[in-house]
Amino acid sequence: MRDSLKTKQSANLEAGRSLAVSGLAFIAADSDRLGRFLDLTGLGPHNLRTAAADPAFLDSVLDYLVADEALLVAFAADAGVKPEAVARAHAALRGPSEG
């Protein structure tokens, strides 16, 4: 039973990472979206690829998307998923909440 839970969590984590990579591609596909993202993150074209290799960065991509409802809805439509799926992926990447 415990292995089943670990397998499910691993699958959710991988699905979350995949969706975050799609989210980054969605952001990068539009110069206005990318410019705003870079401004808010403090990243630049020279270090974006390096940042994207960090698993924590993928969570920040989803964090950015879910923080802006219009952007979230646009991304979800583009990715063919419901906005709730993006929120679940974000939760999976964040891990269990402390509390």
N, C-alpha and C. Protein backbone atom coordinates (compact mmCIF):
# COMPACT_ATOMS: atom_id res chain seq x y z
N MET A 1 0.82 -1.18 0.00
CA MET A 1 0.00 0.00 0.00
C MET A 1 0.87 1.26 0.00
N ARG A 2 1.92 1.25 0.81
CA ARG A 2 2.81 2.40 0.90
C ARG A 2 3.54 2.64 -0.42
N ASP A 3 3.96 1.53 -1.08
CA ASP A 3 4.62 1.65 -2.38
C ASP A 3 3.68 2.25 -3.41
N SER A 4 2.41 1.91 -3.32
CA SER A 4 1.41 2.45 -4.24
C SER A 4 1.29 3.96 -4.07
N LEU A 5 1.33 4.44 -2.84
CA LEU A 5 1.26 5.87 -2.57
C LEU A 5 2.50 6.57 -3.11
N LYS A 6 3.67 5.97 -2.90
CA LYS A 6 4.91 6.55 -3.41
C LYS A 6 4.89 6.61 -4.94
N THR A 7 4.38 5.56 -5.56
CA THR A 7 4.29 5.52 -7.02
C THR A 7 3.38 6.61 -7.52
N LYS A 8 2.24 6.80 -6.87
CA LYS A 8 1.29 7.84 -7.26
C LYS A 8 1.90 9.22 -7.08
N GLN A 9 2.58 9.45 -5.96
CA GLN A 9 3.21 10.74 -5.71
C GLN A 9 4.30 11.02 -6.75
N SER A 10 5.05 10.00 -7.11
CA SER A 10 6.09 10.15 -8.12
C SER A 10 5.48 10.50 -9.48
N ALA A 11 4.38 9.83 -9.82
CA ALA A 11 3.71 10.11 -11.09
C ALA A 11 3.15 11.53 -11.08
N ASN A 12 2.58 11.96 -9.96
CA ASN A 12 2.06 13.32 -9.85
C ASN A 12 3.18 14.35 -9.97
N LEU A 13 4.33 14.05 -9.38
CA LEU A 13 5.47 14.93 -9.45
C LEU A 13 5.97 15.06 -10.88
N GLU A 14 6.07 13.95 -11.57
CA GLU A 14 6.51 13.97 -12.97
C GLU A 14 5.51 14.72 -13.85
N ALA A 15 4.22 14.50 -13.62
CA ALA A 15 3.19 15.20 -14.39
C ALA A 15 3.26 16.70 -14.10
N GLY A 16 3.52 17.06 -12.84
CA GLY A 16 3.66 18.46 -12.47
C GLY A 16 4.85 19.10 -13.15
N ARG A 17 5.96 18.40 -13.19
CA ARG A 17 7.16 18.92 -13.86
C ARG A 17 6.91 19.10 -15.35
N SER A 18 6.25 18.13 -15.95
CA SER A 18 5.95 18.21 -17.37
C SER A 18 5.05 19.41 -17.68
N LEU A 19 4.04 19.62 -16.85
CA LEU A 19 3.15 20.75 -17.05
C LEU A 19 3.88 22.07 -16.83
N ALA A 20 4.79 22.10 -15.88
CA ALA A 20 5.57 23.32 -15.64
C ALA A 20 6.47 23.64 -16.83
N VAL A 21 7.06 22.63 -17.43
CA VAL A 21 7.88 22.85 -18.63
C VAL A 21 6.99 23.40 -19.76
N SER A 22 5.79 22.85 -19.89
CA SER A 22 4.85 23.37 -20.89
C SER A 22 4.47 24.81 -20.56
N GLY A 23 4.33 25.10 -19.28
CA GLY A 23 4.02 26.47 -18.86
C GLY A 23 5.13 27.43 -19.21
N LEU A 24 6.36 27.01 -19.02
CA LEU A 24 7.49 27.86 -19.38
C LEU A 24 7.53 28.11 -20.89
N ALA A 25 7.26 27.07 -21.65
CA ALA A 25 7.22 27.23 -23.12
C ALA A 25 6.10 28.18 -23.52
N PHE A 26 4.96 28.08 -22.84
CA PHE A 26 3.83 28.98 -23.11
C PHE A 26 4.22 30.43 -22.81
N ILE A 27 4.87 30.65 -21.70
CA ILE A 27 5.31 31.99 -21.33
C ILE A 27 6.32 32.51 -22.36
N ALA A 28 7.27 31.66 -22.72
CA ALA A 28 8.33 32.08 -23.63
C ALA A 28 7.85 32.32 -25.06
N ALA A 29 6.69 31.76 -25.41
CA ALA A 29 6.18 31.89 -26.77
C ALA A 29 5.66 33.29 -27.09
N ASP A 30 5.48 34.10 -26.07
CA ASP A 30 4.95 35.45 -26.28
C ASP A 30 5.91 36.45 -25.62
N SER A 31 6.40 37.40 -26.40
CA SER A 31 7.42 38.31 -25.88
C SER A 31 6.92 39.16 -24.71
N ASP A 32 5.65 39.54 -24.71
CA ASP A 32 5.12 40.32 -23.58
C ASP A 32 5.06 39.47 -22.32
N ARG A 33 4.56 38.23 -22.46
CA ARG A 33 4.50 37.34 -21.30
C ARG A 33 5.90 37.05 -20.77
N LEU A 34 6.82 36.78 -21.69
CA LEU A 34 8.19 36.46 -21.28
C LEU A 34 8.85 37.67 -20.61
N GLY A 35 8.65 38.83 -21.18
CA GLY A 35 9.24 40.04 -20.59
C GLY A 35 8.76 40.27 -19.17
N ARG A 36 7.47 40.11 -18.95
CA ARG A 36 6.92 40.29 -17.60
C ARG A 36 7.47 39.24 -16.65
N PHE A 37 7.53 37.99 -17.11
CA PHE A 37 8.07 36.91 -16.28
C PHE A 37 9.52 37.19 -15.90
N LEU A 38 10.31 37.59 -16.86
CA LEU A 38 11.72 37.88 -16.58
C LEU A 38 11.86 39.06 -15.63
N ASP A 39 11.03 40.08 -15.83
CA ASP A 39 11.07 41.24 -14.93
C ASP A 39 10.76 40.85 -13.49
N LEU A 40 9.74 40.02 -13.32
CA LEU A 40 9.32 39.64 -11.98
C LEU A 40 10.28 38.66 -11.31
N THR A 41 10.92 37.82 -12.10
CA THR A 41 11.83 36.83 -11.52
C THR A 41 13.26 37.35 -11.37
N GLY A 42 13.57 38.42 -12.09
CA GLY A 42 14.93 38.93 -12.07
C GLY A 42 15.87 38.14 -12.96
N LEU A 43 15.31 37.22 -13.73
CA LEU A 43 16.12 36.44 -14.66
C LEU A 43 16.29 37.19 -15.97
N GLY A 44 17.20 36.72 -16.76
CA GLY A 44 17.40 37.26 -18.10
C GLY A 44 17.58 36.11 -19.07
N PRO A 45 17.58 36.43 -20.35
CA PRO A 45 17.78 35.37 -21.34
C PRO A 45 19.07 34.58 -21.12
N HIS A 46 20.07 35.23 -20.55
CA HIS A 46 21.36 34.58 -20.35
C HIS A 46 21.35 33.51 -19.25
N ASN A 47 20.41 33.59 -18.31
CA ASN A 47 20.41 32.62 -17.22
C ASN A 47 19.09 31.86 -17.07
N LEU A 48 18.17 32.07 -17.99
CA LEU A 48 16.88 31.38 -17.91
C LEU A 48 17.04 29.87 -18.07
N ARG A 49 17.84 29.45 -19.02
CA ARG A 49 18.04 28.01 -19.25
C ARG A 49 18.66 27.34 -18.01
N THR A 50 19.61 28.00 -17.39
CA THR A 50 20.23 27.45 -16.19
C THR A 50 19.21 27.34 -15.06
N ALA A 51 18.40 28.38 -14.90
CA ALA A 51 17.37 28.37 -13.86
C ALA A 51 16.37 27.25 -14.11
N ALA A 52 16.02 27.03 -15.36
CA ALA A 52 15.03 26.01 -15.71
C ALA A 52 15.49 24.60 -15.34
N ALA A 53 16.77 24.39 -15.16
CA ALA A 53 17.29 23.08 -14.78
C ALA A 53 17.08 22.80 -13.29
N ASP A 54 16.74 23.82 -12.52
CA ASP A 54 16.51 23.67 -11.08
C ASP A 54 15.05 23.26 -10.84
N PRO A 55 14.82 22.10 -10.19
CA PRO A 55 13.45 21.66 -9.95
C PRO A 55 12.59 22.69 -9.21
N ALA A 56 13.18 23.47 -8.32
CA ALA A 56 12.42 24.49 -7.60
C ALA A 56 11.92 25.57 -8.56
N PHE A 57 12.65 25.80 -9.63
CA PHE A 57 12.23 26.79 -10.61
C PHE A 57 10.92 26.37 -11.27
N LEU A 58 10.75 25.09 -11.52
CA LEU A 58 9.51 24.62 -12.15
C LEU A 58 8.31 24.93 -11.27
N ASP A 59 8.45 24.80 -9.97
CA ASP A 59 7.38 25.19 -9.07
C ASP A 59 7.10 26.68 -9.20
N SER A 60 8.14 27.48 -9.35
CA SER A 60 7.94 28.93 -9.47
C SER A 60 7.22 29.29 -10.77
N VAL A 61 7.42 28.50 -11.82
CA VAL A 61 6.69 28.74 -13.07
C VAL A 61 5.20 28.53 -12.84
N LEU A 62 4.84 27.44 -12.20
CA LEU A 62 3.42 27.19 -11.92
C LEU A 62 2.88 28.20 -10.92
N ASP A 63 3.70 28.60 -9.97
CA ASP A 63 3.29 29.62 -9.01
C ASP A 63 2.93 30.91 -9.75
N TYR A 64 3.76 31.28 -10.71
CA TYR A 64 3.53 32.47 -11.52
C TYR A 64 2.23 32.34 -12.31
N LEU A 65 1.99 31.19 -12.89
CA LEU A 65 0.78 30.99 -13.68
C LEU A 65 -0.49 31.03 -12.83
N VAL A 66 -0.47 30.36 -11.68
CA VAL A 66 -1.69 30.32 -10.87
C VAL A 66 -1.97 31.65 -10.17
N ALA A 67 -0.98 32.50 -10.08
CA ALA A 67 -1.17 33.80 -9.43
C ALA A 67 -1.94 34.79 -10.30
N ASP A 68 -2.03 34.51 -11.60
CA ASP A 68 -2.72 35.41 -12.54
C ASP A 68 -3.82 34.61 -13.23
N GLU A 69 -5.06 34.85 -12.82
CA GLU A 69 -6.17 34.02 -13.30
C GLU A 69 -6.30 34.04 -14.82
N ALA A 70 -6.16 35.21 -15.43
CA ALA A 70 -6.29 35.29 -16.89
C ALA A 70 -5.18 34.49 -17.57
N LEU A 71 -3.98 34.59 -17.05
CA LEU A 71 -2.85 33.84 -17.60
C LEU A 71 -3.04 32.35 -17.38
N LEU A 72 -3.51 31.98 -16.21
CA LEU A 72 -3.79 30.57 -15.90
C LEU A 72 -4.81 29.98 -16.87
N VAL A 73 -5.89 30.70 -17.08
CA VAL A 73 -6.95 30.22 -17.99
C VAL A 73 -6.41 30.11 -19.42
N ALA A 74 -5.63 31.09 -19.85
CA ALA A 74 -5.05 31.04 -21.20
C ALA A 74 -4.09 29.86 -21.35
N PHE A 75 -3.25 29.65 -20.34
CA PHE A 75 -2.32 28.53 -20.40
C PHE A 75 -3.06 27.20 -20.40
N ALA A 76 -4.03 27.07 -19.51
CA ALA A 76 -4.79 25.82 -19.42
C ALA A 76 -5.46 25.50 -20.75
N ALA A 77 -6.05 26.51 -21.37
CA ALA A 77 -6.69 26.30 -22.67
C ALA A 77 -5.66 25.87 -23.71
N ASP A 78 -4.52 26.52 -23.71
CA ASP A 78 -3.45 26.21 -24.66
C ASP A 78 -2.92 24.78 -24.45
N ALA A 79 -2.83 24.38 -23.19
CA ALA A 79 -2.30 23.05 -22.86
C ALA A 79 -3.35 21.95 -22.93
N GLY A 80 -4.62 22.35 -23.08
CA GLY A 80 -5.68 21.37 -23.15
C GLY A 80 -6.01 20.72 -21.82
N VAL A 81 -5.82 21.48 -20.74
CA VAL A 81 -6.14 20.99 -19.41
C VAL A 81 -7.05 22.00 -18.71
N LYS A 82 -7.65 21.57 -17.64
CA LYS A 82 -8.46 22.49 -16.84
C LYS A 82 -7.53 23.28 -15.92
N PRO A 83 -7.90 24.52 -15.59
CA PRO A 83 -7.08 25.29 -14.65
C PRO A 83 -6.83 24.55 -13.34
N GLU A 84 -7.80 23.75 -12.91
CA GLU A 84 -7.65 22.99 -11.68
C GLU A 84 -6.49 21.99 -11.77
N ALA A 85 -6.26 21.49 -12.96
CA ALA A 85 -5.14 20.55 -13.15
C ALA A 85 -3.80 21.26 -12.95
N VAL A 86 -3.74 22.51 -13.36
CA VAL A 86 -2.52 23.29 -13.15
C VAL A 86 -2.33 23.52 -11.65
N ALA A 87 -3.40 23.84 -10.96
CA ALA A 87 -3.32 24.04 -9.51
C ALA A 87 -2.89 22.75 -8.80
N ARG A 88 -3.40 21.61 -9.25
CA ARG A 88 -2.99 20.33 -8.64
C ARG A 88 -1.51 20.05 -8.93
N ALA A 89 -1.07 20.35 -10.14
CA ALA A 89 0.34 20.15 -10.47
C ALA A 89 1.22 21.04 -9.60
N HIS A 90 0.77 22.26 -9.40
CA HIS A 90 1.50 23.20 -8.53
C HIS A 90 1.60 22.63 -7.12
N ALA A 91 0.50 22.11 -6.60
CA ALA A 91 0.51 21.51 -5.27
C ALA A 91 1.44 20.30 -5.20
N ALA A 92 1.46 19.50 -6.26
CA ALA A 92 2.33 18.32 -6.28
C ALA A 92 3.80 18.73 -6.23
N LEU A 93 4.15 19.78 -6.95
CA LEU A 93 5.55 20.22 -6.95
C LEU A 93 5.94 20.87 -5.63
N ARG A 94 5.00 21.51 -4.98
CA ARG A 94 5.28 22.15 -3.69
C ARG A 94 5.48 21.12 -2.59
N GLY A 95 4.85 19.97 -2.74
CA GLY A 95 4.95 18.93 -1.72
C GLY A 95 3.97 19.18 -0.60
N PRO A 96 4.02 18.33 0.42
CA PRO A 96 3.07 18.48 1.53
C PRO A 96 3.28 19.80 2.25
N SER A 97 2.18 20.43 2.60
CA SER A 97 2.28 21.70 3.31
C SER A 97 2.64 21.44 4.77
N GLU A 98 3.37 22.38 5.30
CA GLU A 98 3.74 22.28 6.71
C GLU A 98 2.62 22.87 7.54
N GLY A 99 2.37 22.30 8.64
CA GLY A 99 1.38 22.94 9.41
C GLY A 99 0.87 22.19 10.52
